[in-house]
PDB file of N, CA and C in Angstrom:
ATOM      1  N   MET A   1      37.964 -63.716 128.382  1.00  0.00           N
ATOM      2  CA  MET A   1      38.542 -65.134 128.566  1.00  0.00           C
ATOM      3  C   MET A   1      37.905 -65.639 130.005  1.00  0.00           C
ATOM      4  N   PRO A   2      36.998 -66.202 130.122  1.00  0.00           N
ATOM      5  CA  PRO A   2      36.234 -66.458 131.687  1.00  0.00           C
ATOM      6  C   PRO A   2      37.098 -67.536 132.437  1.00  0.00           C
ATOM      7  N   ILE A   3      37.631 -67.053 133.318  1.00  0.00           N
ATOM      8  CA  ILE A   3      38.158 -68.124 134.267  1.00  0.00           C
ATOM      9  C   ILE A   3      37.358 -68.238 135.796  1.00  0.00           C
ATOM     10  N   LYS A   4      37.058 -69.151 135.731  1.00  0.00           N
ATOM     11  CA  LYS A   4      36.280 -69.515 137.099  1.00  0.00           C
ATOM     12  C   LYS A   4      36.646 -70.603 138.112  1.00  0.00           C
ATOM     13  N   SER A   5      36.432 -70.599 139.277  1.00  0.00           N
ATOM     14  CA  SER A   5      36.604 -71.622 140.237  1.00  0.00           C
ATOM     15  C   SER A   5      35.439 -72.106 140.997  1.00  0.00           C
ATOM     16  N   TYR A   6      35.440 -73.238 141.328  1.00  0.00           N
ATOM     17  CA  TYR A   6      34.180 -73.927 141.950  1.00  0.00           C
ATOM     18  C   TYR A   6      34.777 -75.067 142.885  1.00  0.00           C
ATOM     19  N   LEU A   7      33.620 -75.215 143.838  1.00  0.00           N
ATOM     20  CA  LEU A   7      33.885 -76.293 144.768  1.00  0.00           C
ATOM     21  C   LEU A   7      32.865 -77.508 144.281  1.00  0.00           C
ATOM     22  N   ALA A   8      33.319 -78.614 143.660  1.00  0.00           N
ATOM     23  CA  ALA A   8      32.629 -79.500 143.159  1.00  0.00           C
ATOM     24  C   ALA A   8      32.441 -80.797 144.014  1.00  0.00           C
ATOM     25  N   HIS A   9      30.895 -80.927 144.495  1.00  0.00           N
ATOM     26  CA  HIS A   9      30.622 -82.046 145.451  1.00  0.00           C
ATOM     27  C   HIS A   9      30.199 -83.194 144.636  1.00  0.00           C
ATOM     28  N   PRO A  10      30.872 -84.515 144.791  1.00  0.00           N
ATOM     29  CA  PRO A  10      30.191 -85.741 143.881  1.00  0.00           C
ATOM     30  C   PRO A  10      29.343 -86.329 144.756  1.00  0.00           C
ATOM     31  N   HIS A  11      28.478 -87.168 143.997  1.00  0.00           N
ATOM     32  CA  HIS A  11      27.513 -88.165 144.811  1.00  0.00           C
ATOM     33  C   HIS A  11      28.627 -89.005 145.501  1.00  0.00           C
ATOM     34  N   ASN A  12      27.631 -89.452 146.552  1.00  0.00           N
ATOM     35  CA  ASN A  12      28.381 -90.719 147.512  1.00  0.00           C
ATOM     36  C   ASN A  12      29.050 -91.528 146.825  1.00  0.00           C
ATOM     37  N   GLY A  13      30.576 -91.728 146.988  1.00  0.00           N
ATOM     38  CA  GLY A  13      31.093 -93.003 146.522  1.00  0.00           C
ATOM     39  C   GLY A  13      31.501 -92.886 144.850  1.00  0.00           C
ATOM     40  N   LYS A  14      31.468 -91.618 144.329  1.00  0.00           N
ATOM     41  CA  LYS A  14      31.483 -91.078 142.915  1.00  0.00           C
ATOM     42  C   LYS A  14      32.683 -90.057 142.763  1.00  0.00           C
ATOM     43  N   LYS A  15      33.799 -89.838 143.805  1.00  0.00           N
ATOM     44  CA  LYS A  15      34.734 -88.889 143.747  1.00  0.00           C
ATOM     45  C   LYS A  15      35.714 -89.147 142.740  1.00  0.00           C
ATOM     46  N   ASN A  16      36.229 -90.477 142.562  1.00  0.00           N
ATOM     47  CA  ASN A  16      37.165 -90.863 141.574  1.00  0.00           C
ATOM     48  C   ASN A  16      36.738 -90.744 140.216  1.00  0.00           C
ATOM     49  N   GLU A  17      35.289 -91.048 140.016  1.00  0.00           N
ATOM     50  CA  GLU A  17      34.749 -90.959 138.719  1.00  0.00           C
ATOM     51  C   GLU A  17      34.513 -89.662 138.305  1.00  0.00           C
ATOM     52  N   LEU A  18      34.238 -88.791 139.322  1.00  0.00           N
ATOM     53  CA  LEU A  18      34.029 -87.401 138.975  1.00  0.00           C
ATOM     54  C   LEU A  18      35.476 -86.496 138.425  1.00  0.00           C
ATOM     55  N   VAL A  19      36.319 -87.019 139.286  1.00  0.00           N
ATOM     56  CA  VAL A  19      37.667 -86.678 138.803  1.00  0.00           C
ATOM     57  C   VAL A  19      38.214 -87.027 137.480  1.00  0.00           C
ATOM     58  N   GLN A  20      38.039 -88.329 137.414  1.00  0.00           N
ATOM     59  CA  GLN A  20      38.316 -88.857 135.679  1.00  0.00           C
ATOM     60  C   GLN A  20      37.469 -88.115 134.823  1.00  0.00           C
ATOM     61  N   ALA A  21      36.416 -87.730 135.015  1.00  0.00           N
ATOM     62  CA  ALA A  21      35.444 -87.149 134.444  1.00  0.00           C
ATOM     63  C   ALA A  21      35.722 -85.926 133.636  1.00  0.00           C
ATOM     64  N   LEU A  22      36.085 -84.900 134.663  1.00  0.00           N
ATOM     65  CA  LEU A  22      36.284 -83.657 134.875  1.00  0.00           C
ATOM     66  C   LEU A  22      37.641 -83.438 134.026  1.00  0.00           C
ATOM     67  N   SER A  23      38.530 -84.605 134.574  1.00  0.00           N
ATOM     68  CA  SER A  23      40.170 -84.404 134.040  1.00  0.00           C
ATOM     69  C   SER A  23      39.944 -84.661 132.287  1.00  0.00           C
ATOM     70  N   ARG A  24      39.122 -85.037 131.628  1.00  0.00           N
ATOM     71  CA  ARG A  24      38.974 -85.510 130.566  1.00  0.00           C
ATOM     72  C   ARG A  24      38.491 -84.178 129.680  1.00  0.00           C
ATOM     73  N   ILE A  25      37.899 -83.204 130.248  1.00  0.00           N
ATOM     74  CA  ILE A  25      37.574 -81.931 129.742  1.00  0.00           C
ATOM     75  C   ILE A  25      38.781 -80.774 129.493  1.00  0.00           C
ATOM     76  N   ASP A  26      39.110 -80.396 128.461  1.00  0.00           N
ATOM     77  CA  ASP A  26      40.034 -79.565 128.143  1.00  0.00           C
ATOM     78  C   ASP A  26      40.243 -78.233 128.945  1.00  0.00           C
ATOM     79  N   GLN A  27      38.963 -77.927 129.021  1.00  0.00           N
ATOM     80  CA  GLN A  27      38.948 -76.301 129.762  1.00  0.00           C
ATOM     81  C   GLN A  27      39.061 -76.729 131.550  1.00  0.00           C
ATOM     82  N   CYS A  28      39.201 -77.987 131.902  1.00  0.00           N
ATOM     83  CA  CYS A  28      38.909 -78.020 133.023  1.00  0.00           C
ATOM     84  C   CYS A  28      40.497 -78.555 133.815  1.00  0.00           C
ATOM     85  N   GLU A  29      40.778 -77.730 135.049  1.00  0.00           N
ATOM     86  CA  GLU A  29      41.823 -78.365 135.859  1.00  0.00           C
ATOM     87  C   GLU A  29      41.345 -78.612 137.210  1.00  0.00           C
ATOM     88  N   VAL A  30      41.419 -80.063 137.612  1.00  0.00           N
ATOM     89  CA  VAL A  30      40.588 -80.424 139.035  1.00  0.00           C
ATOM     90  C   VAL A  30      41.640 -80.806 139.740  1.00  0.00           C
ATOM     91  N   MET A  31      41.483 -80.611 141.086  1.00  0.00           N
ATOM     92  CA  MET A  31      42.250 -80.551 142.561  1.00  0.00           C
ATOM     93  C   MET A  31      41.462 -81.528 143.409  1.00  0.00           C
ATOM     94  N   PRO A  32      41.420 -82.840 143.429  1.00  0.00           N
ATOM     95  CA  PRO A  32      40.663 -83.349 144.836  1.00  0.00           C
ATOM     96  C   PRO A  32      41.200 -83.141 146.011  1.00  0.00           C
ATOM     97  N   ALA A  33      40.541 -82.697 147.090  1.00  0.00           N
ATOM     98  CA  ALA A  33      40.855 -82.550 148.322  1.00  0.00           C
ATOM     99  C   ALA A  33      41.183 -83.559 149.123  1.00  0.00           C
ATOM    100  N   GLN A  34      42.364 -83.582 149.797  1.00  0.00           N
ATOM    101  CA  GLN A  34      42.823 -84.726 150.534  1.00  0.00           C
ATOM    102  C   GLN A  34      41.940 -85.171 151.602  1.00  0.00           C
ATOM    103  N   ASN A  35      41.151 -84.567 152.538  1.00  0.00           N
ATOM    104  CA  ASN A  35      40.427 -85.044 153.534  1.00  0.00           C
ATOM    105  C   ASN A  35      39.263 -84.823 153.649  1.00  0.00           C
ATOM    106  N   LYS A  36      38.459 -84.426 152.612  1.00  0.00           N
ATOM    107  CA  LYS A  36      37.201 -84.190 152.311  1.00  0.00           C
ATOM    108  C   LYS A  36      36.663 -84.977 151.048  1.00  0.00           C
ATOM    109  N   ASP A  37      35.289 -85.116 150.624  1.00  0.00           N
ATOM    110  CA  ASP A  37      34.692 -85.622 149.502  1.00  0.00           C
ATOM    111  C   ASP A  37      34.529 -84.434 148.851  1.00  0.00           C
ATOM    112  N   LEU A  38      35.410 -83.724 148.317  1.00  0.00           N
ATOM    113  CA  LEU A  38      35.328 -82.473 147.855  1.00  0.00           C
ATOM    114  C   LEU A  38      36.461 -82.326 146.766  1.00  0.00           C
ATOM    115  N   LEU A  39      36.041 -81.663 145.267  1.00  0.00           N
ATOM    116  CA  LEU A  39      37.004 -81.353 144.348  1.00  0.00           C
ATOM    117  C   LEU A  39      37.237 -79.913 144.225  1.00  0.00           C
ATOM    118  N   ILE A  40      38.301 -79.250 143.692  1.00  0.00           N
ATOM    119  CA  ILE A  40      38.263 -77.643 143.278  1.00  0.00           C
ATOM    120  C   ILE A  40      38.749 -77.885 142.007  1.00  0.00           C
ATOM    121  N   LEU A  41      37.919 -77.129 141.378  1.00  0.00           N
ATOM    122  CA  LEU A  41      37.491 -77.241 139.898  1.00  0.00           C
ATOM    123  C   LEU A  41      37.835 -75.578 139.377  1.00  0.00           C
ATOM    124  N   ILE A  42      38.924 -75.595 138.472  1.00  0.00           N
ATOM    125  CA  ILE A  42      38.994 -74.222 137.822  1.00  0.00           C
ATOM    126  C   ILE A  42      38.944 -74.530 136.181  1.00  0.00           C
ATOM    127  N   THR A  43      38.253 -73.588 135.668  1.00  0.00           N
ATOM    128  CA  THR A  43      37.878 -73.487 134.067  1.00  0.00           C
ATOM    129  C   THR A  43      38.225 -72.334 133.734  1.00  0.00           C
ATOM    130  N   GLU A  44      38.775 -72.341 132.354  1.00  0.00           N
ATOM    131  CA  GLU A  44      39.124 -71.347 131.486  1.00  0.00           C
ATOM    132  C   GLU A  44      38.649 -71.701 130.116  1.00  0.00           C
ATOM    133  N   THR A  45      38.038 -70.781 129.883  1.00  0.00           N
ATOM    134  CA  THR A  45      37.351 -70.788 128.195  1.00  0.00           C
ATOM    135  C   THR A  45      37.802 -69.489 127.592  1.00  0.00           C
ATOM    136  N   GLU A  46      37.533 -69.643 126.400  1.00  0.00           N
ATOM    137  CA  GLU A  46      38.034 -68.522 125.522  1.00  0.00           C
ATOM    138  C   GLU A  46      37.075 -67.535 124.636  1.00  0.00           C
ATOM    139  N   SER A  47      35.689 -68.112 125.053  1.00  0.00           N
ATOM    140  CA  SER A  47      34.377 -67.539 124.557  1.00  0.00           C
ATOM    141  C   SER A  47      33.463 -67.553 125.494  1.00  0.00           C
ATOM    142  N   ASN A  48      32.505 -66.853 125.209  1.00  0.00           N
ATOM    143  CA  ASN A  48      31.064 -66.908 126.011  1.00  0.00           C
ATOM    144  C   ASN A  48      30.339 -68.365 125.372  1.00  0.00           C
ATOM    145  N   THR A  49      30.703 -68.489 124.103  1.00  0.00           N
ATOM    146  CA  THR A  49      29.927 -69.578 123.430  1.00  0.00           C
ATOM    147  C   THR A  49      30.519 -70.861 123.811  1.00  0.00           C
ATOM    148  N   GLU A  50      32.058 -70.705 124.128  1.00  0.00           N
ATOM    149  CA  GLU A  50      32.857 -72.073 124.670  1.00  0.00           C
ATOM    150  C   GLU A  50      32.576 -72.237 126.192  1.00  0.00           C
ATOM    151  N   GLU A  51      32.135 -71.255 126.831  1.00  0.00           N
ATOM    152  CA  GLU A  51      31.792 -71.491 128.301  1.00  0.00           C
ATOM    153  C   GLU A  51      30.304 -71.655 128.233  1.00  0.00           C
ATOM    154  N   GLU A  52      29.372 -71.554 127.688  1.00  0.00           N
ATOM    155  CA  GLU A  52      28.036 -72.136 127.487  1.00  0.00           C
ATOM    156  C   GLU A  52      28.138 -73.863 127.366  1.00  0.00           C
ATOM    157  N   ILE A  53      28.733 -74.323 126.058  1.00  0.00           N
ATOM    158  CA  ILE A  53      29.253 -75.475 125.901  1.00  0.00           C
ATOM    159  C   ILE A  53      29.949 -76.097 127.108  1.00  0.00           C
ATOM    160  N   LEU A  54      30.777 -75.699 127.991  1.00  0.00           N
ATOM    161  CA  LEU A  54      31.526 -76.245 128.957  1.00  0.00           C
ATOM    162  C   LEU A  54      30.142 -76.315 130.180  1.00  0.00           C
ATOM    163  N   LYS A  55      29.435 -75.607 130.239  1.00  0.00           N
ATOM    164  CA  LYS A  55      28.545 -75.460 131.201  1.00  0.00           C
ATOM    165  C   LYS A  55      27.398 -76.687 131.191  1.00  0.00           C
ATOM    166  N   GLU A  56      27.106 -76.931 129.670  1.00  0.00           N
ATOM    167  CA  GLU A  56      26.361 -78.234 129.213  1.00  0.00           C
ATOM    168  C   GLU A  56      26.844 -79.300 129.638  1.00  0.00           C
ATOM    169  N   LYS A  57      28.354 -79.573 129.140  1.00  0.00           N
ATOM    170  CA  LYS A  57      29.076 -80.893 129.754  1.00  0.00           C
ATOM    171  C   LYS A  57      29.392 -80.914 130.983  1.00  0.00           C
ATOM    172  N   LEU A  58      29.367 -79.771 131.993  1.00  0.00           N
ATOM    173  CA  LEU A  58      29.312 -80.221 133.592  1.00  0.00           C
ATOM    174  C   LEU A  58      28.117 -80.573 133.811  1.00  0.00           C
ATOM    175  N   GLU A  59      27.238 -79.970 133.476  1.00  0.00           N
ATOM    176  CA  GLU A  59      25.564 -80.397 133.804  1.00  0.00           C
ATOM    177  C   GLU A  59      25.220 -81.803 133.427  1.00  0.00           C
ATOM    178  N   ALA A  60      25.672 -82.403 132.575  1.00  0.00           N
ATOM    179  CA  ALA A  60      25.534 -83.807 132.051  1.00  0.00           C
ATOM    180  C   ALA A  60      26.084 -85.071 132.940  1.00  0.00           C
ATOM    181  N   LEU A  61      27.337 -84.476 133.823  1.00  0.00           N
ATOM    182  CA  LEU A  61      28.023 -85.297 134.545  1.00  0.00           C
ATOM    183  C   LEU A  61      27.263 -86.081 135.885  1.00  0.00           C
ATOM    184  N   LYS A  62      26.946 -87.160 135.488  1.00  0.00           N
ATOM    185  CA  LYS A  62      26.091 -88.072 136.347  1.00  0.00           C
ATOM    186  C   LYS A  62      26.659 -87.986 137.862  1.00  0.00           C
ATOM    187  N   SER A  63      28.022 -88.257 138.179  1.00  0.00           N
ATOM    188  CA  SER A  63      28.663 -88.275 139.251  1.00  0.00           C
ATOM    189  C   SER A  63      28.861 -86.848 140.066  1.00  0.00           C
ATOM    190  N   LEU A  64      28.546 -86.031 139.453  1.00  0.00           N
ATOM    191  CA  LEU A  64      28.329 -84.537 139.791  1.00  0.00           C
ATOM    192  C   LEU A  64      26.946 -84.066 140.684  1.00  0.00           C
ATOM    193  N   LYS A  65      27.190 -83.934 142.174  1.00  0.00           N
ATOM    194  CA  LYS A  65      26.041 -83.569 142.986  1.00  0.00           C
ATOM    195  C   LYS A  65      25.694 -82.114 142.858  1.00  0.00           C
ATOM    196  N   LEU A  66      26.713 -81.186 143.054  1.00  0.00           N
ATOM    197  CA  LEU A  66      26.582 -79.987 143.160  1.00  0.00           C
ATOM    198  C   LEU A  66      27.812 -79.061 142.963  1.00  0.00           C
ATOM    199  N   LEU A  67      27.593 -78.105 142.227  1.00  0.00           N
ATOM    200  CA  LEU A  67      28.929 -77.236 141.758  1.00  0.00           C
ATOM    201  C   LEU A  67      28.471 -75.713 142.127  1.00  0.00           C
ATOM    202  N   ALA A  68      29.355 -75.269 143.220  1.00  0.00           N
ATOM    203  CA  ALA A  68      29.159 -74.171 143.642  1.00  0.00           C
ATOM    204  C   ALA A  68      30.475 -73.108 142.971  1.00  0.00           C
ATOM    205  N   MET A  69      30.132 -72.164 142.678  1.00  0.00           N
ATOM    206  CA  MET A  69      31.026 -71.180 141.935  1.00  0.00           C
ATOM    207  C   MET A  69      31.665 -70.262 143.312  1.00  0.00           C
ATOM    208  N   VAL A  70      32.855 -70.361 143.211  1.00  0.00           N
ATOM    209  CA  VAL A  70      33.786 -69.747 144.244  1.00  0.00           C
ATOM    210  C   VAL A  70      34.226 -68.289 143.716  1.00  0.00           C
ATOM    211  N   SER A  71      34.571 -68.091 142.381  1.00  0.00           N
ATOM    212  CA  SER A  71      35.083 -66.954 142.134  1.00  0.00           C
ATOM    213  C   SER A  71      34.943 -67.093 140.326  1.00  0.00           C
ATOM    214  N   GLY A  72      34.763 -66.013 139.748  1.00  0.00           N
ATOM    215  CA  GLY A  72      34.827 -65.905 138.532  1.00  0.00           C
ATOM    216  C   GLY A  72      35.458 -64.459 137.807  1.00  0.00           C
ATOM    217  N   PHE A  73      36.013 -64.229 136.933  1.00  0.00           N
ATOM    218  CA  PHE A  73      36.054 -63.152 136.270  1.00  0.00           C
ATOM    219  C   PHE A  73      36.479 -63.299 134.838  1.00  0.00           C
ATOM    220  N   ASN A  74      36.194 -62.379 134.104  1.00  0.00           N
ATOM    221  CA  ASN A  74      36.549 -62.206 132.527  1.00  0.00           C
ATOM    222  C   ASN A  74      37.450 -61.216 132.139  1.00  0.00           C
ATOM    223  N   THR A  75      38.891 -61.593 131.728  1.00  0.00           N
ATOM    224  CA  THR A  75      39.649 -61.210 131.023  1.00  0.00           C
ATOM    225  C   THR A  75      39.510 -60.739 129.718  1.00  0.00           C
ATOM    226  N   PRO A  76      39.415 -59.276 129.527  1.00  0.00           N
ATOM    227  CA  PRO A  76      38.942 -58.606 128.100  1.00  0.00           C
ATOM    228  C   PRO A  76      40.130 -58.951 127.284  1.00  0.00           C
ATOM    229  N   GLN A  77      39.805 -59.073 126.260  1.00  0.00           N
ATOM    230  CA  GLN A  77      40.793 -59.484 125.029  1.00  0.00           C
ATOM    231  C   GLN A  77      41.397 -58.316 124.263  1.00  0.00           C
ATOM    232  N   LYS A  78      42.504 -58.073 124.140  1.00  0.00           N
ATOM    233  CA  LYS A  78      42.852 -56.760 123.251  1.00  0.00           C
ATOM    234  C   LYS A  78      42.710 -57.046 121.928  1.00  0.00           C
ATOM    235  N   ASN A  79      42.189 -56.230 121.202  1.00  0.00           N
ATOM    236  CA  ASN A  79      42.288 -56.409 119.704  1.00  0.00           C
ATOM    237  C   ASN A  79      43.559 -55.765 118.888  1.00  0.00           C
TER     238      ASN A  79
END
């Protein structure tokens, strides 16, 4: 179960648009910074396949300028 945190930088004037777009994605939790044009993004997916699909969704967001991973780990699933 991959869990990752990112700093998301919107294009100029697109912060609110990016917050709304990220909030609509089930695997994302987004927190806007109070004093900067910056978002904190936490993602959690159930599989590598779901992680790849999420990556494609994030790359398609026109309001997203830069996405920098801060931390990521994978919790092994017990059978």
